[in-house]
mmCIF file of all heavy atoms, coordinates in Angstrom:
data_MODEL
# 
_entry.id   MODEL 
# 
loop_
_atom_site.group_PDB 
_atom_site.id 
_atom_site.type_symbol 
_atom_site.label_atom_id 
_atom_site.label_alt_id 
_atom_site.label_comp_id 
_atom_site.label_asym_id 
_atom_site.label_entity_id 
_atom_site.label_seq_id 
_atom_site.pdbx_PDB_ins_code 
_atom_site.Cartn_x 
_atom_site.Cartn_y 
_atom_site.Cartn_z 
_atom_site.occupancy 
_atom_site.B_iso_or_equiv 
_atom_site.pdbx_formal_charge 
_atom_site.auth_seq_id 
_atom_site.auth_comp_id 
_atom_site.auth_asym_id 
_atom_site.auth_atom_id 
_atom_site.pdbx_PDB_model_num 
ATOM 1   N N   . GLU A 1 1  ? -135.808 116.642 -12.299 1.00 0.00 ? 1  GLU A N   1 
ATOM 2   C CA  . GLU A 1 1  ? -135.750 115.560 -11.323 1.00 0.00 ? 1  GLU A CA  1 
ATOM 3   C C   . GLU A 1 1  ? -135.323 116.127 -9.983  1.00 0.00 ? 1  GLU A C   1 
ATOM 4   O O   . GLU A 1 1  ? -134.701 117.197 -9.910  1.00 0.00 ? 1  GLU A O   1 
ATOM 5   C CB  . GLU A 1 1  ? -134.790 114.459 -11.763 1.00 0.00 ? 1  GLU A CB  1 
ATOM 6   C CG  . GLU A 1 1  ? -133.330 114.856 -11.827 1.00 0.00 ? 1  GLU A CG  1 
ATOM 7   C CD  . GLU A 1 1  ? -132.420 113.676 -12.156 1.00 0.00 ? 1  GLU A CD  1 
ATOM 8   O OE1 . GLU A 1 1  ? -132.188 112.846 -11.249 1.00 0.00 ? 1  GLU A OE1 1 
ATOM 9   O OE2 . GLU A 1 1  ? -131.959 113.581 -13.314 1.00 0.00 ? 1  GLU A OE2 1 
ATOM 10  N N   . HIS A 1 2  ? -135.674 115.409 -8.920  1.00 0.00 ? 2  HIS A N   1 
ATOM 11  C CA  . HIS A 1 2  ? -135.322 115.860 -7.574  1.00 0.00 ? 2  HIS A CA  1 
ATOM 12  C C   . HIS A 1 2  ? -134.002 115.228 -7.168  1.00 0.00 ? 2  HIS A C   1 
ATOM 13  O O   . HIS A 1 2  ? -133.806 114.025 -7.315  1.00 0.00 ? 2  HIS A O   1 
ATOM 14  C CB  . HIS A 1 2  ? -136.424 115.479 -6.578  1.00 0.00 ? 2  HIS A CB  1 
ATOM 15  C CG  . HIS A 1 2  ? -136.434 116.321 -5.351  1.00 0.00 ? 2  HIS A CG  1 
ATOM 16  N ND1 . HIS A 1 2  ? -135.538 116.124 -4.310  1.00 0.00 ? 2  HIS A ND1 1 
ATOM 17  C CD2 . HIS A 1 2  ? -137.217 117.375 -4.990  1.00 0.00 ? 2  HIS A CD2 1 
ATOM 18  C CE1 . HIS A 1 2  ? -135.786 117.016 -3.358  1.00 0.00 ? 2  HIS A CE1 1 
ATOM 19  N NE2 . HIS A 1 2  ? -136.791 117.787 -3.742  1.00 0.00 ? 2  HIS A NE2 1 
ATOM 20  N N   . GLU A 1 3  ? -133.103 116.052 -6.671  1.00 0.00 ? 3  GLU A N   1 
ATOM 21  C CA  . GLU A 1 3  ? -131.754 115.554 -6.358  1.00 0.00 ? 3  GLU A CA  1 
ATOM 22  C C   . GLU A 1 3  ? -131.692 114.798 -5.037  1.00 0.00 ? 3  GLU A C   1 
ATOM 23  O O   . GLU A 1 3  ? -130.782 113.994 -4.832  1.00 0.00 ? 3  GLU A O   1 
ATOM 24  C CB  . GLU A 1 3  ? -130.780 116.735 -6.347  1.00 0.00 ? 3  GLU A CB  1 
ATOM 25  C CG  . GLU A 1 3  ? -130.631 117.390 -7.711  1.00 0.00 ? 3  GLU A CG  1 
ATOM 26  C CD  . GLU A 1 3  ? -129.575 118.471 -7.741  1.00 0.00 ? 3  GLU A CD  1 
ATOM 27  O OE1 . GLU A 1 3  ? -129.868 119.581 -7.238  1.00 0.00 ? 3  GLU A OE1 1 
ATOM 28  O OE2 . GLU A 1 3  ? -128.477 118.214 -8.257  1.00 0.00 ? 3  GLU A OE2 1 
ATOM 29  N N   . LEU A 1 4  ? -132.646 115.030 -4.143  1.00 0.00 ? 4  LEU A N   1 
ATOM 30  C CA  . LEU A 1 4  ? -132.655 114.329 -2.863  1.00 0.00 ? 4  LEU A CA  1 
ATOM 31  C C   . LEU A 1 4  ? -133.562 113.104 -2.891  1.00 0.00 ? 4  LEU A C   1 
ATOM 32  O O   . LEU A 1 4  ? -133.234 112.059 -2.325  1.00 0.00 ? 4  LEU A O   1 
ATOM 33  C CB  . LEU A 1 4  ? -133.106 115.281 -1.756  1.00 0.00 ? 4  LEU A CB  1 
ATOM 34  C CG  . LEU A 1 4  ? -133.077 114.741 -0.317  1.00 0.00 ? 4  LEU A CG  1 
ATOM 35  C CD1 . LEU A 1 4  ? -131.659 114.306 0.077   1.00 0.00 ? 4  LEU A CD1 1 
ATOM 36  C CD2 . LEU A 1 4  ? -133.607 115.783 0.660   1.00 0.00 ? 4  LEU A CD2 1 
ATOM 37  N N   . PHE A 1 5  ? -134.705 113.231 -3.582  1.00 0.00 ? 5  PHE A N   1 
ATOM 38  C CA  . PHE A 1 5  ? -135.670 112.135 -3.670  1.00 0.00 ? 5  PHE A CA  1 
ATOM 39  C C   . PHE A 1 5  ? -135.649 111.606 -5.110  1.00 0.00 ? 5  PHE A C   1 
ATOM 40  O O   . PHE A 1 5  ? -136.234 112.218 -6.007  1.00 0.00 ? 5  PHE A O   1 
ATOM 41  C CB  . PHE A 1 5  ? -137.060 112.625 -3.271  1.00 0.00 ? 5  PHE A CB  1 
ATOM 42  C CG  . PHE A 1 5  ? -137.078 113.320 -1.934  1.00 0.00 ? 5  PHE A CG  1 
ATOM 43  C CD1 . PHE A 1 5  ? -137.635 114.579 -1.779  1.00 0.00 ? 5  PHE A CD1 1 
ATOM 44  C CD2 . PHE A 1 5  ? -136.529 112.697 -0.813  1.00 0.00 ? 5  PHE A CD2 1 
ATOM 45  C CE1 . PHE A 1 5  ? -137.650 115.216 -0.551  1.00 0.00 ? 5  PHE A CE1 1 
ATOM 46  C CE2 . PHE A 1 5  ? -136.538 113.335 0.435   1.00 0.00 ? 5  PHE A CE2 1 
ATOM 47  C CZ  . PHE A 1 5  ? -137.093 114.590 0.558   1.00 0.00 ? 5  PHE A CZ  1 
ATOM 48  N N   . PRO A 1 6  ? -134.987 110.468 -5.364  1.00 0.00 ? 6  PRO A N   1 
ATOM 49  C CA  . PRO A 1 6  ? -134.632 110.057 -6.727  1.00 0.00 ? 6  PRO A CA  1 
ATOM 50  C C   . PRO A 1 6  ? -135.785 109.637 -7.617  1.00 0.00 ? 6  PRO A C   1 
ATOM 51  O O   . PRO A 1 6  ? -135.601 109.527 -8.830  1.00 0.00 ? 6  PRO A O   1 
ATOM 52  C CB  . PRO A 1 6  ? -133.682 108.879 -6.485  1.00 0.00 ? 6  PRO A CB  1 
ATOM 53  C CG  . PRO A 1 6  ? -134.073 108.328 -5.156  1.00 0.00 ? 6  PRO A CG  1 
ATOM 54  C CD  . PRO A 1 6  ? -134.483 109.525 -4.346  1.00 0.00 ? 6  PRO A CD  1 
ATOM 55  N N   . HIS A 1 7  ? -136.971 109.421 -7.063  1.00 0.00 ? 7  HIS A N   1 
ATOM 56  C CA  . HIS A 1 7  ? -138.091 108.962 -7.882  1.00 0.00 ? 7  HIS A CA  1 
ATOM 57  C C   . HIS A 1 7  ? -139.184 110.024 -7.985  1.00 0.00 ? 7  HIS A C   1 
ATOM 58  O O   . HIS A 1 7  ? -140.354 109.705 -8.177  1.00 0.00 ? 7  HIS A O   1 
ATOM 59  C CB  . HIS A 1 7  ? -138.646 107.650 -7.325  1.00 0.00 ? 7  HIS A CB  1 
ATOM 60  C CG  . HIS A 1 7  ? -137.614 106.576 -7.220  1.00 0.00 ? 7  HIS A CG  1 
ATOM 61  N ND1 . HIS A 1 7  ? -137.657 105.556 -6.292  1.00 0.00 ? 7  HIS A ND1 1 
ATOM 62  C CD2 . HIS A 1 7  ? -136.477 106.375 -7.938  1.00 0.00 ? 7  HIS A CD2 1 
ATOM 63  C CE1 . HIS A 1 7  ? -136.595 104.774 -6.440  1.00 0.00 ? 7  HIS A CE1 1 
ATOM 64  N NE2 . HIS A 1 7  ? -135.868 105.253 -7.431  1.00 0.00 ? 7  HIS A NE2 1 
ATOM 65  N N   . VAL A 1 8  ? -138.786 111.270 -7.855  1.00 0.00 ? 8  VAL A N   1 
ATOM 66  C CA  . VAL A 1 8  ? -139.695 112.407 -8.035  1.00 0.00 ? 8  VAL A CA  1 
ATOM 67  C C   . VAL A 1 8  ? -139.347 113.065 -9.361  1.00 0.00 ? 8  VAL A C   1 
ATOM 68  O O   . VAL A 1 8  ? -138.222 113.537 -9.562  1.00 0.00 ? 8  VAL A O   1 
ATOM 69  C CB  . VAL A 1 8  ? -139.563 113.415 -6.877  1.00 0.00 ? 8  VAL A CB  1 
ATOM 70  C CG1 . VAL A 1 8  ? -140.386 114.669 -7.171  1.00 0.00 ? 8  VAL A CG1 1 
ATOM 71  C CG2 . VAL A 1 8  ? -140.030 112.771 -5.574  1.00 0.00 ? 8  VAL A CG2 1 
ATOM 72  N N   . LEU A 1 9  ? -140.308 113.071 -10.269 1.00 0.00 ? 9  LEU A N   1 
ATOM 73  C CA  . LEU A 1 9  ? -140.066 113.558 -11.631 1.00 0.00 ? 9  LEU A CA  1 
ATOM 74  C C   . LEU A 1 9  ? -141.161 114.537 -12.028 1.00 0.00 ? 9  LEU A C   1 
ATOM 75  O O   . LEU A 1 9  ? -142.353 114.239 -11.911 1.00 0.00 ? 9  LEU A O   1 
ATOM 76  C CB  . LEU A 1 9  ? -140.048 112.371 -12.608 1.00 0.00 ? 9  LEU A CB  1 
ATOM 77  C CG  . LEU A 1 9  ? -139.861 112.682 -14.089 1.00 0.00 ? 9  LEU A CG  1 
ATOM 78  C CD1 . LEU A 1 9  ? -138.524 113.371 -14.354 1.00 0.00 ? 9  LEU A CD1 1 
ATOM 79  C CD2 . LEU A 1 9  ? -139.970 111.392 -14.914 1.00 0.00 ? 9  LEU A CD2 1 
ATOM 80  N N   . ALA A 1 10 ? -140.756 115.714 -12.499 1.00 0.00 ? 10 ALA A N   1 
ATOM 81  C CA  . ALA A 1 10 ? -141.694 116.752 -12.947 1.00 0.00 ? 10 ALA A CA  1 
ATOM 82  C C   . ALA A 1 10 ? -141.566 116.927 -14.454 1.00 0.00 ? 10 ALA A C   1 
ATOM 83  O O   . ALA A 1 10 ? -140.463 117.122 -14.965 1.00 0.00 ? 10 ALA A O   1 
ATOM 84  C CB  . ALA A 1 10 ? -141.399 118.073 -12.235 1.00 0.00 ? 10 ALA A CB  1 
ATOM 85  N N   . LEU A 1 11 ? -142.699 116.867 -15.156 1.00 0.00 ? 11 LEU A N   1 
ATOM 86  C CA  . LEU A 1 11 ? -142.726 116.999 -16.611 1.00 0.00 ? 11 LEU A CA  1 
ATOM 87  C C   . LEU A 1 11 ? -143.543 118.224 -17.005 1.00 0.00 ? 11 LEU A C   1 
ATOM 88  O O   . LEU A 1 11 ? -144.566 118.514 -16.386 1.00 0.00 ? 11 LEU A O   1 
ATOM 89  C CB  . LEU A 1 11 ? -143.358 115.761 -17.257 1.00 0.00 ? 11 LEU A CB  1 
ATOM 90  C CG  . LEU A 1 11 ? -142.828 114.396 -16.831 1.00 0.00 ? 11 LEU A CG  1 
ATOM 91  C CD1 . LEU A 1 11 ? -143.673 113.291 -17.463 1.00 0.00 ? 11 LEU A CD1 1 
ATOM 92  C CD2 . LEU A 1 11 ? -141.365 114.239 -17.222 1.00 0.00 ? 11 LEU A CD2 1 
ATOM 93  N N   . GLN A 1 12 ? -143.121 118.912 -18.056 1.00 0.00 ? 12 GLN A N   1 
ATOM 94  C CA  . GLN A 1 12 ? -143.911 120.010 -18.584 1.00 0.00 ? 12 GLN A CA  1 
ATOM 95  C C   . GLN A 1 12 ? -144.843 119.529 -19.697 1.00 0.00 ? 12 GLN A C   1 
ATOM 96  O O   . GLN A 1 12 ? -145.809 120.198 -20.048 1.00 0.00 ? 12 GLN A O   1 
ATOM 97  C CB  . GLN A 1 12 ? -143.002 121.125 -19.101 1.00 0.00 ? 12 GLN A CB  1 
ATOM 98  C CG  . GLN A 1 12 ? -143.713 122.354 -19.608 1.00 0.00 ? 12 GLN A CG  1 
ATOM 99  C CD  . GLN A 1 12 ? -144.626 122.984 -18.566 1.00 0.00 ? 12 GLN A CD  1 
ATOM 100 O OE1 . GLN A 1 12 ? -144.196 123.678 -17.673 1.00 0.00 ? 12 GLN A OE1 1 
ATOM 101 N NE2 . GLN A 1 12 ? -145.927 122.707 -18.664 1.00 0.00 ? 12 GLN A NE2 1 
ATOM 102 N N   . PHE A 1 13 ? -144.584 118.370 -20.240 1.00 0.00 ? 13 PHE A N   1 
ATOM 103 C CA  . PHE A 1 13 ? -145.368 117.831 -21.359 1.00 0.00 ? 13 PHE A CA  1 
ATOM 104 C C   . PHE A 1 13 ? -146.348 116.769 -20.855 1.00 0.00 ? 13 PHE A C   1 
ATOM 105 O O   . PHE A 1 13 ? -146.392 116.448 -19.672 1.00 0.00 ? 13 PHE A O   1 
ATOM 106 C CB  . PHE A 1 13 ? -144.439 117.256 -22.425 1.00 0.00 ? 13 PHE A CB  1 
ATOM 107 C CG  . PHE A 1 13 ? -143.420 116.287 -21.879 1.00 0.00 ? 13 PHE A CG  1 
ATOM 108 C CD1 . PHE A 1 13 ? -143.683 114.930 -21.811 1.00 0.00 ? 13 PHE A CD1 1 
ATOM 109 C CD2 . PHE A 1 13 ? -142.176 116.736 -21.432 1.00 0.00 ? 13 PHE A CD2 1 
ATOM 110 C CE1 . PHE A 1 13 ? -142.745 114.039 -21.312 1.00 0.00 ? 13 PHE A CE1 1 
ATOM 111 C CE2 . PHE A 1 13 ? -141.227 115.848 -20.939 1.00 0.00 ? 13 PHE A CE2 1 
ATOM 112 C CZ  . PHE A 1 13 ? -141.523 114.495 -20.870 1.00 0.00 ? 13 PHE A CZ  1 
ATOM 113 N N   . HIS A 1 14 ? -147.136 116.213 -21.794 1.00 0.00 ? 14 HIS A N   1 
ATOM 114 C CA  . HIS A 1 14 ? -148.193 115.254 -21.457 1.00 0.00 ? 14 HIS A CA  1 
ATOM 115 C C   . HIS A 1 14 ? -147.888 113.879 -22.061 1.00 0.00 ? 14 HIS A C   1 
ATOM 116 O O   . HIS A 1 14 ? -148.137 113.654 -23.246 1.00 0.00 ? 14 HIS A O   1 
ATOM 117 C CB  . HIS A 1 14 ? -149.543 115.737 -21.989 1.00 0.00 ? 14 HIS A CB  1 
ATOM 118 C CG  . HIS A 1 14 ? -150.134 116.867 -21.230 1.00 0.00 ? 14 HIS A CG  1 
ATOM 119 N ND1 . HIS A 1 14 ? -150.913 116.677 -20.110 1.00 0.00 ? 14 HIS A ND1 1 
ATOM 120 C CD2 . HIS A 1 14 ? -150.051 118.208 -21.421 1.00 0.00 ? 14 HIS A CD2 1 
ATOM 121 C CE1 . HIS A 1 14 ? -151.307 117.865 -19.644 1.00 0.00 ? 14 HIS A CE1 1 
ATOM 122 N NE2 . HIS A 1 14 ? -150.796 118.801 -20.417 1.00 0.00 ? 14 HIS A NE2 1 
ATOM 123 N N   . PRO A 1 15 ? -147.411 112.921 -21.263 1.00 0.00 ? 15 PRO A N   1 
ATOM 124 C CA  . PRO A 1 15 ? -147.192 111.567 -21.780 1.00 0.00 ? 15 PRO A CA  1 
ATOM 125 C C   . PRO A 1 15 ? -148.413 110.672 -21.595 1.00 0.00 ? 15 PRO A C   1 
ATOM 126 O O   . PRO A 1 15 ? -148.335 109.471 -21.848 1.00 0.00 ? 15 PRO A O   1 
ATOM 127 C CB  . PRO A 1 15 ? -146.031 111.074 -20.912 1.00 0.00 ? 15 PRO A CB  1 
ATOM 128 C CG  . PRO A 1 15 ? -146.296 111.704 -19.581 1.00 0.00 ? 15 PRO A CG  1 
ATOM 129 C CD  . PRO A 1 15 ? -146.904 113.058 -19.884 1.00 0.00 ? 15 PRO A CD  1 
ATOM 130 N N   . GLU A 1 16 ? -149.528 111.243 -21.131 1.00 0.00 ? 16 GLU A N   1 
ATOM 131 C CA  . GLU A 1 16 ? -150.695 110.428 -20.769 1.00 0.00 ? 16 GLU A CA  1 
ATOM 132 C C   . GLU A 1 16 ? -151.893 110.616 -21.680 1.00 0.00 ? 16 GLU A C   1 
ATOM 133 O O   . GLU A 1 16 ? -152.873 109.863 -21.595 1.00 0.00 ? 16 GLU A O   1 
ATOM 134 C CB  . GLU A 1 16 ? -151.103 110.736 -19.319 1.00 0.00 ? 16 GLU A CB  1 
ATOM 135 C CG  . GLU A 1 16 ? -152.027 111.905 -19.099 1.00 0.00 ? 16 GLU A CG  1 
ATOM 136 C CD  . GLU A 1 16 ? -151.439 113.291 -19.301 1.00 0.00 ? 16 GLU A CD  1 
ATOM 137 O OE1 . GLU A 1 16 ? -150.298 113.399 -19.804 1.00 0.00 ? 16 GLU A OE1 1 
ATOM 138 O OE2 . GLU A 1 16 ? -152.112 114.279 -18.971 1.00 0.00 ? 16 GLU A OE2 1 
ATOM 139 N N   . PHE A 1 17 ? -151.889 111.604 -22.582 1.00 0.00 ? 17 PHE A N   1 
ATOM 140 C CA  . PHE A 1 17 ? -153.074 111.893 -23.376 1.00 0.00 ? 17 PHE A CA  1 
ATOM 141 C C   . PHE A 1 17 ? -153.439 110.717 -24.284 1.00 0.00 ? 17 PHE A C   1 
ATOM 142 O O   . PHE A 1 17 ? -152.593 110.225 -25.052 1.00 0.00 ? 17 PHE A O   1 
ATOM 143 C CB  . PHE A 1 17 ? -152.840 113.139 -24.235 1.00 0.00 ? 17 PHE A CB  1 
ATOM 144 C CG  . PHE A 1 17 ? -153.120 114.437 -23.530 1.00 0.00 ? 17 PHE A CG  1 
ATOM 145 C CD1 . PHE A 1 17 ? -153.360 114.485 -22.166 1.00 0.00 ? 17 PHE A CD1 1 
ATOM 146 C CD2 . PHE A 1 17 ? -153.154 115.623 -24.245 1.00 0.00 ? 17 PHE A CD2 1 
ATOM 147 C CE1 . PHE A 1 17 ? -153.616 115.677 -21.516 1.00 0.00 ? 17 PHE A CE1 1 
ATOM 148 C CE2 . PHE A 1 17 ? -153.411 116.832 -23.618 1.00 0.00 ? 17 PHE A CE2 1 
ATOM 149 C CZ  . PHE A 1 17 ? -153.652 116.855 -22.255 1.00 0.00 ? 17 PHE A CZ  1 
ATOM 150 N N   . PRO A 1 18 ? -154.694 110.256 -24.268 1.00 0.00 ? 18 PRO A N   1 
ATOM 151 C CA  . PRO A 1 18 ? -155.110 109.123 -25.105 1.00 0.00 ? 18 PRO A CA  1 
ATOM 152 C C   . PRO A 1 18 ? -154.892 109.330 -26.594 1.00 0.00 ? 18 PRO A C   1 
ATOM 153 O O   . PRO A 1 18 ? -154.680 108.365 -27.333 1.00 0.00 ? 18 PRO A O   1 
ATOM 154 C CB  . PRO A 1 18 ? -156.611 108.990 -24.780 1.00 0.00 ? 18 PRO A CB  1 
ATOM 155 C CG  . PRO A 1 18 ? -156.754 109.540 -23.405 1.00 0.00 ? 18 PRO A CG  1 
ATOM 156 C CD  . PRO A 1 18 ? -155.761 110.673 -23.334 1.00 0.00 ? 18 PRO A CD  1 
ATOM 157 N N   . VAL A 1 19 ? -154.915 110.586 -27.055 1.00 0.00 ? 19 VAL A N   1 
ATOM 158 C CA  . VAL A 1 19 ? -154.762 110.841 -28.488 1.00 0.00 ? 19 VAL A CA  1 
ATOM 159 C C   . VAL A 1 19 ? -153.414 110.355 -29.019 1.00 0.00 ? 19 VAL A C   1 
ATOM 160 O O   . VAL A 1 19 ? -153.268 110.068 -30.208 1.00 0.00 ? 19 VAL A O   1 
ATOM 161 C CB  . VAL A 1 19 ? -154.950 112.354 -28.785 1.00 0.00 ? 19 VAL A CB  1 
ATOM 162 C CG1 . VAL A 1 19 ? -153.767 113.168 -28.255 1.00 0.00 ? 19 VAL A CG1 1 
ATOM 163 C CG2 . VAL A 1 19 ? -155.142 112.602 -30.267 1.00 0.00 ? 19 VAL A CG2 1 
ATOM 164 N N   . LEU A 1 20 ? -152.427 110.210 -28.147 1.00 0.00 ? 20 LEU A N   1 
ATOM 165 C CA  . LEU A 1 20 ? -151.108 109.745 -28.581 1.00 0.00 ? 20 LEU A CA  1 
ATOM 166 C C   . LEU A 1 20 ? -151.131 108.299 -29.043 1.00 0.00 ? 20 LEU A C   1 
ATOM 167 O O   . LEU A 1 20 ? -150.269 107.884 -29.820 1.00 0.00 ? 20 LEU A O   1 
ATOM 168 C CB  . LEU A 1 20 ? -150.094 109.893 -27.440 1.00 0.00 ? 20 LEU A CB  1 
ATOM 169 C CG  . LEU A 1 20 ? -149.751 111.320 -27.023 1.00 0.00 ? 20 LEU A CG  1 
ATOM 170 C CD1 . LEU A 1 20 ? -148.876 111.316 -25.779 1.00 0.00 ? 20 LEU A CD1 1 
ATOM 171 C CD2 . LEU A 1 20 ? -149.059 112.050 -28.157 1.00 0.00 ? 20 LEU A CD2 1 
ATOM 172 N N   . TRP A 1 21 ? -152.085 107.518 -28.560 1.00 0.00 ? 21 TRP A N   1 
ATOM 173 C CA  . TRP A 1 21 ? -152.111 106.086 -28.887 1.00 0.00 ? 21 TRP A CA  1 
ATOM 174 C C   . TRP A 1 21 ? -153.263 105.722 -29.806 1.00 0.00 ? 21 TRP A C   1 
ATOM 175 O O   . TRP A 1 21 ? -153.381 104.573 -30.225 1.00 0.00 ? 21 TRP A O   1 
ATOM 176 C CB  . TRP A 1 21 ? -152.210 105.271 -27.586 1.00 0.00 ? 21 TRP A CB  1 
ATOM 177 C CG  . TRP A 1 21 ? -151.531 105.956 -26.447 1.00 0.00 ? 21 TRP A CG  1 
ATOM 178 C CD1 . TRP A 1 21 ? -152.084 106.373 -25.271 1.00 0.00 ? 21 TRP A CD1 1 
ATOM 179 C CD2 . TRP A 1 21 ? -150.154 106.363 -26.383 1.00 0.00 ? 21 TRP A CD2 1 
ATOM 180 N NE1 . TRP A 1 21 ? -151.163 107.005 -24.498 1.00 0.00 ? 21 TRP A NE1 1 
ATOM 181 C CE2 . TRP A 1 21 ? -149.970 107.026 -25.148 1.00 0.00 ? 21 TRP A CE2 1 
ATOM 182 C CE3 . TRP A 1 21 ? -149.066 106.239 -27.255 1.00 0.00 ? 21 TRP A CE3 1 
ATOM 183 C CZ2 . TRP A 1 21 ? -148.742 107.560 -24.765 1.00 0.00 ? 21 TRP A CZ2 1 
ATOM 184 C CZ3 . TRP A 1 21 ? -147.842 106.768 -26.884 1.00 0.00 ? 21 TRP A CZ3 1 
ATOM 185 C CH2 . TRP A 1 21 ? -147.684 107.420 -25.658 1.00 0.00 ? 21 TRP A CH2 1 
ATOM 186 N N   . ASP A 1 22 ? -154.104 106.697 -30.122 1.00 0.00 ? 22 ASP A N   1 
ATOM 187 C CA  . ASP A 1 22 ? -155.265 106.441 -30.972 1.00 0.00 ? 22 ASP A CA  1 
ATOM 188 C C   . ASP A 1 22 ? -154.875 106.592 -32.441 1.00 0.00 ? 22 ASP A C   1 
ATOM 189 O O   . ASP A 1 22 ? -154.782 107.703 -32.963 1.00 0.00 ? 22 ASP A O   1 
ATOM 190 C CB  . ASP A 1 22 ? -156.383 107.420 -30.606 1.00 0.00 ? 22 ASP A CB  1 
ATOM 191 C CG  . ASP A 1 22 ? -157.669 107.158 -31.366 1.00 0.00 ? 22 ASP A CG  1 
ATOM 192 O OD1 . ASP A 1 22 ? -157.675 106.261 -32.237 1.00 0.00 ? 22 ASP A OD1 1 
ATOM 193 O OD2 . ASP A 1 22 ? -158.668 107.855 -31.088 1.00 0.00 ? 22 ASP A OD2 1 
ATOM 194 N N   . LYS A 1 23 ? -154.676 105.469 -33.100 1.00 0.00 ? 23 LYS A N   1 
ATOM 195 C CA  . LYS A 1 23 ? -154.224 105.502 -34.506 1.00 0.00 ? 23 LYS A CA  1 
ATOM 196 C C   . LYS A 1 23 ? -155.285 106.071 -35.434 1.00 0.00 ? 23 LYS A C   1 
ATOM 197 O O   . LYS A 1 23 ? -154.971 106.508 -36.536 1.00 0.00 ? 23 LYS A O   1 
ATOM 198 C CB  . LYS A 1 23 ? -153.822 104.098 -34.945 1.00 0.00 ? 23 LYS A CB  1 
ATOM 199 C CG  . LYS A 1 23 ? -152.651 103.520 -34.167 1.00 0.00 ? 23 LYS A CG  1 
ATOM 200 C CD  . LYS A 1 23 ? -152.297 102.117 -34.631 1.00 0.00 ? 23 LYS A CD  1 
ATOM 201 C CE  . LYS A 1 23 ? -151.143 101.552 -33.810 1.00 0.00 ? 23 LYS A CE  1 
ATOM 202 N NZ  . LYS A 1 23 ? -150.768 100.181 -34.228 1.00 0.00 ? 23 LYS A NZ  1 
ATOM 203 N N   . GLY A 1 24 ? -156.537 106.064 -34.995 1.00 0.00 ? 24 GLY A N   1 
ATOM 204 C CA  . GLY A 1 24 ? -157.607 106.578 -35.843 1.00 0.00 ? 24 GLY A CA  1 
ATOM 205 C C   . GLY A 1 24 ? -157.873 108.058 -35.669 1.00 0.00 ? 24 GLY A C   1 
ATOM 206 O O   . GLY A 1 24 ? -158.687 108.630 -36.394 1.00 0.00 ? 24 GLY A O   1 
ATOM 207 N N   . ALA A 1 25 ? -157.176 108.700 -34.726 1.00 0.00 ? 25 ALA A N   1 
ATOM 208 C CA  . ALA A 1 25 ? -157.375 110.140 -34.502 1.00 0.00 ? 25 ALA A CA  1 
ATOM 209 C C   . ALA A 1 25 ? -156.587 110.933 -35.541 1.00 0.00 ? 25 ALA A C   1 
ATOM 210 O O   . ALA A 1 25 ? -155.356 110.824 -35.620 1.00 0.00 ? 25 ALA A O   1 
ATOM 211 C CB  . ALA A 1 25 ? -156.924 110.513 -33.098 1.00 0.00 ? 25 ALA A CB  1 
# 
């Protein structure tokens, strides 16, 4: 997280991949 700009967030992982929500995959 950024200490000066509180809503700046850097992730190393993927929270957006569709396979995470596809129960049939």
